[in-house]
């Protein structure tokens, strides 16, 4: 029986993918095999030796201590694409609200006098200050053309915008698929200098933290509209406020507002609503539950953020999985230990990701208890699991 600890409210649609015959699920589970988490921070949490997997029910994983998990052989998953449509729709909403001054105009209307005789005339004379540009014919820059960014780019193109995309990590074939909607550029300056709207859709890494600051804003067109539906720290929010004061930025839409930005009429603020739809929560929960089940029961990995993805059908017997350092001669040492016990390896698959690697060994029979201990003693091996047939 596997034990699964949940943080936040995880959609029942996902939890139903974990059979009650094999899984105990709850918020007060001790010594869990797996954690399913939405946005709760786990950075200061101590993980017990039983923990094998953390599945983030969403895309961002900055609330999980990934490096520490890698050192302990804990596989971390996220669910890219599960909430992509929800974030895309909110991004488009933010673009329109910022450029058409929807929030300011709505607030102004609500403060008008109640006398019906005055209302019509005041509206007609007062509405002029809220006029804003259309999206049609404008240039949209999308920084990060992944699951969300590609959808935003396609939507912008469908609205009649010219779309420039920047993403040095996008696969070549995927870039070709998007060619009719996006013109990819190799330098961020091309985005800054040419775009009327700029939308950020990058994960939060050391290299993306504060990627939009004073210098980058200075290169942008005067009166640009900036959208951040990625992560709060990818922009220098103080620099954004100064640019709003000067008029360099005409409007800012964000899902991660600072205290100061909440009070600004030129900022469209939402309380981290990007993935906040029933459909997105269900999609991500189902995806996370399936990833967790497949890893615990078969050792297969997909959408891991810290180990390489490997997935293939099992042989008839036991399966052994190993997280280890990506070192020369490691596979030889692993197979030697199996051979020393007269075990024939039916299948062997190995894949590396940077300094770490993942190896799966399949056997046609039951492996003896001593093999797990023997493999664990190899220098450079991080964690060994035996998954019984």
Foldseek 3Di string as FASTA:
>chain_A
DFEEAEDDDFDVLLVVLDDPVHYDYYNPDPLGCEYEYEPDACPPPDHDLNHAEYEYLADADPSPPQVVCLLQNHFYFYFPLLLQVLLLVVQVVLVCCLFQLVVVVVVVLVPDDPDPVCNPVCCVVVCVVRGGDDLAAFEEEEEDCPSNSVSNQQVSVVSHHAYEYEDPPDDPVVCVVSVVRYDYDDDCLVVQQGGQEYEYADHDDPVQFQCAAQVSLVSHAQQHEYEYLHDDRSHDVVRVVVSCVVRSHSAYEYADDDPVLVPDSRYHYHPNCSSVDPSSSSSSSNVRSVQVVCCVQPVAHDRTPRADGDDDDAAQWKKKKWKFFPDPCLVVQLVVLCVVVVFDFPDWDKDGDPGMIMIMTHGNYYDDPVSLVSSCPDPGINHMDMNGD
